[in-house]
C-alpha atoms as a PDB file:
ATOM      1  CA  MET A   1      35.574  20.050 -19.698  1.00  0.00           C
ATOM      2  CA  ARG A   2      31.851  20.027 -18.253  1.00  0.00           C
ATOM      3  CA  HIS A   3      31.349  18.953 -14.729  1.00  0.00           C
ATOM      4  CA  CYS A   4      28.801  17.323 -13.104  1.00  0.00           C
ATOM      5  CA  HIS A   5      25.397  19.108 -12.977  1.00  0.00           C
ATOM      6  CA  PRO A   6      24.811  21.746 -10.150  1.00  0.00           C
ATOM      7  CA  GLY A   7      22.224  21.294  -7.690  1.00  0.00           C
ATOM      8  CA  ARG A   8      21.729  17.753  -7.219  1.00  0.00           C
ATOM      9  CA  GLY A   9      23.771  17.483  -4.069  1.00  0.00           C
ATOM     10  CA  GLU A  10      26.328  14.842  -3.773  1.00  0.00           C
ATOM     11  CA  ARG A  11      26.217  14.150  -7.365  1.00  0.00           C
ATOM     12  CA  GLY A  12      28.785  16.690  -7.277  1.00  0.00           C
ATOM     13  CA  ASN A  13      30.783  14.201  -5.808  1.00  0.00           C
ATOM     14  CA  PRO A  14      33.000  12.343  -9.021  1.00  0.00           C
ATOM     15  CA  PHE A  15      32.300   8.748  -7.252  1.00  0.00           C
ATOM     16  CA  PHE A  16      28.484   9.313  -6.743  1.00  0.00           C
ATOM     17  CA  ALA A  17      27.547   7.485  -9.502  1.00  0.00           C
ATOM     18  CA  PHE A  18      30.333   5.107  -8.962  1.00  0.00           C
ATOM     19  CA  ARG A  19      29.195   3.675  -5.797  1.00  0.00           C
ATOM     20  CA  GLU A  20      25.259   4.429  -7.158  1.00  0.00           C
ATOM     21  CA  ALA A  21      26.063   1.485  -9.416  1.00  0.00           C
ATOM     22  CA  MET A  22      28.180  -0.471  -7.261  1.00  0.00           C
ATOM     23  CA  HIS A  23      25.232  -0.138  -4.478  1.00  0.00           C
ATOM     24  CA  ALA A  24      23.108  -0.905  -7.111  1.00  0.00           C
ATOM     25  CA  MET A  25      25.732  -4.640  -7.554  1.00  0.00           C
ATOM     26  CA  ARG A  26      25.952  -5.487  -4.516  1.00  0.00           C
ATOM     27  CA  HIS A  27      22.551  -4.461  -2.378  1.00  0.00           C
ATOM     28  CA  GLY A  28      19.848  -5.175  -4.308  1.00  0.00           C
ATOM     29  CA  GLY A  29      17.245  -3.207  -6.608  1.00  0.00           C
ATOM     30  CA  PRO A  30      16.207  -4.661  -9.627  1.00  0.00           C
ATOM     31  CA  PHE A  31      19.292  -6.631  -9.965  1.00  0.00           C
ATOM     32  CA  SER A  32      19.417  -8.394  -7.148  1.00  0.00           C
ATOM     33  CA  GLY A  33      18.713 -11.818  -6.530  1.00  0.00           C
ATOM     34  CA  PRO A  34      15.391 -13.882  -5.441  1.00  0.00           C
ATOM     35  CA  MET A  35      16.634 -15.251  -2.122  1.00  0.00           C
ATOM     36  CA  GLY A  36      17.337 -11.790  -1.107  1.00  0.00           C
ATOM     37  CA  GLY A  37      15.199 -12.186   1.773  1.00  0.00           C
ATOM     38  CA  GLY A  38      12.556  -9.604   0.862  1.00  0.00           C
ATOM     39  CA  PRO A  39      11.741  -6.190  -1.058  1.00  0.00           C
ATOM     40  CA  ARG A  40      14.092  -3.251  -0.247  1.00  0.00           C
ATOM     41  CA  GLY A  41      12.427   0.603   0.207  1.00  0.00           C
ATOM     42  CA  ARG A  42      14.124   3.928   0.321  1.00  0.00           C
ATOM     43  CA  GLY A  43      18.069   3.404   0.896  1.00  0.00           C
ATOM     44  CA  GLY A  44      18.132  -0.332   0.745  1.00  0.00           C
ATOM     45  CA  GLU A  45      16.522  -1.308   3.677  1.00  0.00           C
ATOM     46  CA  ARG A  46      14.715  -4.432   3.785  1.00  0.00           C
ATOM     47  CA  ARG A  47      11.099  -4.256   4.214  1.00  0.00           C
ATOM     48  CA  ARG A  48       8.861  -7.333   5.488  1.00  0.00           C
ATOM     49  CA  MET A  49       6.771  -9.020   2.746  1.00  0.00           C
ATOM     50  CA  PHE A  50       4.182  -9.870   4.681  1.00  0.00           C
ATOM     51  CA  GLU A  51       2.695  -8.604   7.653  1.00  0.00           C
ATOM     52  CA  GLY A  52       1.261 -10.046  10.337  1.00  0.00           C
ATOM     53  CA  GLY A  53      -0.368 -13.163  10.124  1.00  0.00           C
ATOM     54  CA  GLU A  54      -0.238 -12.628   6.334  1.00  0.00           C
ATOM     55  CA  LEU A  55       2.412 -15.543   5.423  1.00  0.00           C
ATOM     56  CA  ARG A  56       0.190 -17.926   7.740  1.00  0.00           C
ATOM     57  CA  LEU A  57      -2.670 -17.122   5.113  1.00  0.00           C
ATOM     58  CA  VAL A  58      -0.531 -17.274   2.024  1.00  0.00           C
ATOM     59  CA  LEU A  59       0.610 -20.910   2.943  1.00  0.00           C
ATOM     60  CA  LEU A  60      -2.765 -22.139   4.075  1.00  0.00           C
ATOM     61  CA  LYS A  61      -4.709 -20.627   0.723  1.00  0.00           C
ATOM     62  CA  LEU A  62      -1.762 -22.942  -1.272  1.00  0.00           C
ATOM     63  CA  VAL A  63      -1.967 -26.252   0.457  1.00  0.00           C
ATOM     64  CA  GLU A  64      -5.682 -25.447   0.510  1.00  0.00           C
ATOM     65  CA  ASP A  65      -4.909 -25.392  -3.384  1.00  0.00           C
ATOM     66  CA  GLN A  66      -3.324 -28.645  -3.236  1.00  0.00           C
ATOM     67  CA  PRO A  67      -1.510 -30.721  -0.441  1.00  0.00           C
ATOM     68  CA  ARG A  68       2.556 -29.000  -0.821  1.00  0.00           C
ATOM     69  CA  HIS A  69       5.298 -29.565   1.964  1.00  0.00           C
ATOM     70  CA  GLY A  70       7.741 -26.707   3.044  1.00  0.00           C
ATOM     71  CA  TYR A  71       9.764 -26.664  -0.154  1.00  0.00           C
ATOM     72  CA  ASP A  72       6.875 -26.814  -1.713  1.00  0.00           C
ATOM     73  CA  LEU A  73       5.722 -23.413  -0.546  1.00  0.00           C
ATOM     74  CA  ILE A  74       8.658 -21.848  -0.684  1.00  0.00           C
ATOM     75  CA  ARG A  75       8.842 -22.420  -4.549  1.00  0.00           C
ATOM     76  CA  GLU A  76       5.439 -21.598  -5.024  1.00  0.00           C
ATOM     77  CA  ILE A  77       5.664 -17.968  -3.528  1.00  0.00           C
ATOM     78  CA  GLU A  78       8.870 -17.753  -5.506  1.00  0.00           C
ATOM     79  CA  SER A  79       6.892 -18.321  -8.644  1.00  0.00           C
ATOM     80  CA  LEU A  80       4.018 -16.030  -7.672  1.00  0.00           C
ATOM     81  CA  SER A  81       6.576 -13.115  -7.114  1.00  0.00           C
ATOM     82  CA  GLY A  82       8.157 -14.005 -10.501  1.00  0.00           C
ATOM     83  CA  GLY A  83      11.794 -15.115  -9.037  1.00  0.00           C
ATOM     84  CA  ALA A  84      11.443 -11.856  -7.030  1.00  0.00           C
ATOM     85  CA  TYR A  85      11.553 -13.089  -3.243  1.00  0.00           C
ATOM     86  CA  ALA A  86      11.223 -16.066  -1.622  1.00  0.00           C
ATOM     87  CA  PRO A  87      10.787 -16.820   2.246  1.00  0.00           C
ATOM     88  CA  SER A  88      13.200 -18.452   4.261  1.00  0.00           C
ATOM     89  CA  PRO A  89      12.785 -21.821   5.462  1.00  0.00           C
ATOM     90  CA  GLY A  90      13.455 -20.506   9.070  1.00  0.00           C
ATOM     91  CA  VAL A  91      10.019 -18.569   8.121  1.00  0.00           C
ATOM     92  CA  VAL A  92       8.415 -21.409   6.404  1.00  0.00           C
ATOM     93  CA  TYR A  93       8.906 -24.308   8.916  1.00  0.00           C
ATOM     94  CA  PRO A  94       7.615 -22.300  12.220  1.00  0.00           C
ATOM     95  CA  THR A  95       4.429 -21.017  10.550  1.00  0.00           C
ATOM     96  CA  MET A  96       3.499 -24.450   8.881  1.00  0.00           C
ATOM     97  CA  THR A  97       4.051 -26.176  12.617  1.00  0.00           C
ATOM     98  CA  LEU A  98       1.776 -23.110  13.833  1.00  0.00           C
ATOM     99  CA  LEU A  99      -0.904 -24.186  11.246  1.00  0.00           C
ATOM    100  CA  LEU A 100      -0.677 -27.960  12.531  1.00  0.00           C
ATOM    101  CA  ASP A 101      -1.027 -26.474  16.416  1.00  0.00           C
ATOM    102  CA  MET A 102      -4.147 -24.477  15.450  1.00  0.00           C
ATOM    103  CA  GLY A 103      -5.941 -27.458  13.924  1.00  0.00           C
ATOM    104  CA  LEU A 104      -5.925 -25.461  10.885  1.00  0.00           C
ATOM    105  CA  ALA A 105      -3.865 -27.789   8.626  1.00  0.00           C
ATOM    106  CA  ALA A 106      -3.227 -31.347   9.213  1.00  0.00           C
ATOM    107  CA  GLU A 107      -0.454 -33.467   7.709  1.00  0.00           C
ATOM    108  CA  LEU A 108      -0.750 -36.353   4.824  1.00  0.00           C
ATOM    109  CA  GLU A 109       1.564 -38.969   4.591  1.00  0.00           C
ATOM    110  CA  SER A 110       3.522 -39.560   1.694  1.00  0.00           C
ATOM    111  CA  ASP A 111       6.050 -42.039   0.357  1.00  0.00           C
ATOM    112  CA  GLY A 112       8.904 -39.664   0.527  1.00  0.00           C
ATOM    113  CA  PRO A 113      10.273 -38.264   3.207  1.00  0.00           C
ATOM    114  CA  ARG A 114       8.888 -35.348   3.113  1.00  0.00           C
ATOM    115  CA  LYS A 115       5.329 -34.757   4.765  1.00  0.00           C
ATOM    116  CA  LEU A 116       2.787 -33.270   2.981  1.00  0.00           C
ATOM    117  CA  MET A 117       0.331 -30.458   4.396  1.00  0.00           C
ATOM    118  CA  THR A 118      -3.217 -29.890   3.804  1.00  0.00           C
ATOM    119  CA  ILE A 119      -5.928 -27.893   4.879  1.00  0.00           C
ATOM    120  CA  THR A 120      -8.636 -28.653   7.003  1.00  0.00           C
ATOM    121  CA  GLU A 121     -12.463 -27.785   7.445  1.00  0.00           C
ATOM    122  CA  ALA A 122     -11.540 -25.561  10.171  1.00  0.00           C
ATOM    123  CA  GLY A 123      -8.691 -23.790   7.677  1.00  0.00           C
ATOM    124  CA  ARG A 124     -10.910 -23.288   5.162  1.00  0.00           C
ATOM    125  CA  GLN A 125     -13.427 -21.411   7.548  1.00  0.00           C
ATOM    126  CA  HIS A 126     -10.493 -19.384   8.300  1.00  0.00           C
ATOM    127  CA  LEU A 127      -9.526 -18.582   4.808  1.00  0.00           C
ATOM    128  CA  SER A 128     -13.342 -17.527   4.481  1.00  0.00           C
ATOM    129  CA  GLU A 129     -13.469 -15.253   7.123  1.00  0.00           C
ATOM    130  CA  ARG A 130      -9.988 -13.540   6.345  1.00  0.00           C
ATOM    131  CA  ALA A 131     -10.845 -13.683   2.205  1.00  0.00           C
ATOM    132  CA  ASP A 132      -9.669  -9.823   1.691  1.00  0.00           C
ATOM    133  CA  GLU A 133      -6.415 -10.180   3.689  1.00  0.00           C
ATOM    134  CA  VAL A 134      -5.646 -13.720   1.703  1.00  0.00           C
ATOM    135  CA  ALA A 135      -6.406 -11.549  -1.683  1.00  0.00           C
ATOM    136  CA  THR A 136      -4.514  -8.446  -0.252  1.00  0.00           C
ATOM    137  CA  ALA A 137      -0.698 -10.779   0.515  1.00  0.00           C
ATOM    138  CA  ILE A 138      -1.496 -12.814  -3.109  1.00  0.00           C
ATOM    139  CA  GLY A 139      -2.050  -9.886  -4.569  1.00  0.00           C
ATOM    140  CA  ARG A 140       1.633  -7.941  -3.166  1.00  0.00           C
ATOM    141  CA  LEU A 141       2.884 -10.927  -4.552  1.00  0.00           C
ATOM    142  CA  THR A 142       1.778 -11.235  -7.707  1.00  0.00           C
ATOM    143  CA  ALA A 143       2.266  -6.991  -8.232  1.00  0.00           C
ATOM    144  CA  LEU A 144       5.990  -8.012  -7.371  1.00  0.00           C
ATOM    145  CA  ALA A 145       6.182 -10.542 -10.161  1.00  0.00           C
ATOM    146  CA  LYS A 146       5.160  -7.495 -12.352  1.00  0.00           C
ATOM    147  CA  VAL A 147       7.278  -4.866 -11.450  1.00  0.00           C
ATOM    148  CA  SER A 148      10.309  -8.249 -11.505  1.00  0.00           C
ATOM    149  CA  GLU A 149       9.516  -8.550 -15.079  1.00  0.00           C
ATOM    150  CA  ARG A 150       9.815  -4.714 -16.144  1.00  0.00           C
ATOM    151  CA  THR A 151      12.308  -3.999 -14.171  1.00  0.00           C
ATOM    152  CA  ASP A 152      15.152  -7.469 -13.960  1.00  0.00           C
ATOM    153  CA  ALA A 153      15.487  -7.743 -18.066  1.00  0.00           C
ATOM    154  CA  ALA A 154      18.583  -9.634 -18.536  1.00  0.00           C
ATOM    155  CA  PRO A 155      19.971  -7.152 -21.259  1.00  0.00           C
ATOM    156  CA  VAL A 156      20.159  -4.921 -17.597  1.00  0.00           C
ATOM    157  CA  ARG A 157      21.854  -7.088 -16.166  1.00  0.00           C
ATOM    158  CA  ARG A 158      24.732  -7.321 -18.646  1.00  0.00           C
ATOM    159  CA  ALA A 159      25.361  -4.005 -18.950  1.00  0.00           C
ATOM    160  CA  MET A 160      25.344  -3.617 -15.137  1.00  0.00           C
ATOM    161  CA  HIS A 161      27.585  -6.247 -15.004  1.00  0.00           C
ATOM    162  CA  ASN A 162      29.807  -4.587 -17.802  1.00  0.00           C
ATOM    163  CA  LEU A 163      29.523  -1.365 -16.189  1.00  0.00           C
ATOM    164  CA  LYS A 164      30.789  -2.770 -12.774  1.00  0.00           C
ATOM    165  CA  GLN A 165      33.961  -3.924 -14.453  1.00  0.00           C
ATOM    166  CA  ALA A 166      34.812  -1.005 -16.455  1.00  0.00           C
ATOM    167  CA  LEU A 167      34.324   0.974 -13.700  1.00  0.00           C
ATOM    168  CA  HIS A 168      36.787  -1.118 -11.704  1.00  0.00           C
ATOM    169  CA  ASP A 169      39.145  -1.300 -14.420  1.00  0.00           C
ATOM    170  CA  CYS A 170      39.311   2.411 -14.940  1.00  0.00           C
ATOM    171  CA  LEU A 171      39.630   3.658 -11.838  1.00  0.00           C
ATOM    172  CA  SER A 172      41.381   1.151 -10.251  1.00  0.00           C
ATOM    173  CA  ARG A 173      44.653   2.136 -12.533  1.00  0.00           C
ATOM    174  CA  GLU A 174      48.102   3.661 -11.125  1.00  0.00           C
ATOM    175  CA  THR A 175      47.686   6.188 -14.123  1.00  0.00           C
ATOM    176  CA  THR A 176      44.270   7.452 -13.164  1.00  0.00           C
ATOM    177  CA  THR A 177      44.169  11.157 -12.815  1.00  0.00           C
ATOM    178  CA  ARG A 178      41.344  13.809 -10.969  1.00  0.00           C
ATOM    179  CA  GLU A 179      40.639  14.876 -15.112  1.00  0.00           C
ATOM    180  CA  THR A 180      40.109  10.755 -15.445  1.00  0.00           C
ATOM    181  CA  GLN A 181      37.768  10.539 -12.421  1.00  0.00           C
ATOM    182  CA  LEU A 182      35.916  13.735 -13.392  1.00  0.00           C
ATOM    183  CA  GLU A 183      35.371  12.507 -16.757  1.00  0.00           C
ATOM    184  CA  VAL A 184      33.905   8.818 -15.569  1.00  0.00           C
ATOM    185  CA  ALA A 185      31.502  11.042 -13.267  1.00  0.00           C
ATOM    186  CA  ARG A 186      30.476  13.191 -16.166  1.00  0.00           C
ATOM    187  CA  ILE A 187      29.572  10.108 -18.418  1.00  0.00           C
ATOM    188  CA  LEU A 188      27.524   8.576 -15.800  1.00  0.00           C
ATOM    189  CA  ASP A 189      25.771  11.748 -14.837  1.00  0.00           C
ATOM    190  CA  GLU A 190      24.956  11.572 -18.181  1.00  0.00           C
ATOM    191  CA  ALA A 191      23.588   8.300 -18.333  1.00  0.00           C
ATOM    192  CA  VAL A 192      21.615   9.031 -15.688  1.00  0.00           C
ATOM    193  CA  GLY A 193      19.987  11.444 -16.880  1.00  0.00           C
ATOM    194  CA  LYS A 194      18.963   9.891 -20.313  1.00  0.00           C
ATOM    195  CA  ILE A 195      17.562   7.261 -18.633  1.00  0.00           C
ATOM    196  CA  GLU A 196      15.671   9.507 -16.378  1.00  0.00           C
ATOM    197  CA  ARG A 197      13.860  11.229 -19.399  1.00  0.00           C
ATOM    198  CA  LEU A 198      12.893   7.853 -21.060  1.00  0.00           C
END
């Protein structure tokens, strides 16, 4: 029986590929949901989508395009990222309040319970002075959308779900032997190698 490839460190553990698959399903990567709170870096740690005052600039740019309320802003950012990222209300609404306090935005009366926010002349000037920062922040969202489009395909999510179920069913049986575990690891390592060569 062929065992795992030498020289791959932790891959020598028969449960390595199983743990990797479970980690991907539980903690993110291209298969996580859109409300995960931000993109993830190496090891699955959260990274902030926006630096410094970038979220403030993005919100201001969006209300320059048209008056919006908080929920609209969250959904528009999610749309720009291709569904890969949506800021939490706990971040968006305080930032909206800050924009109002700074005089960069103003509230509009509306028929519904939600008040719309629009940009002021001071806000337009603020955006003009920071046009490069605005473009960078918006560009980060659209770049994330392109990555999401490449990696978050429905067939891949379906296959990952099937893999998770098959691994659970196989390895949780009382009759599962050490040889079965090693064979599962070999099959998964072989699949990893084929994917890496694509």
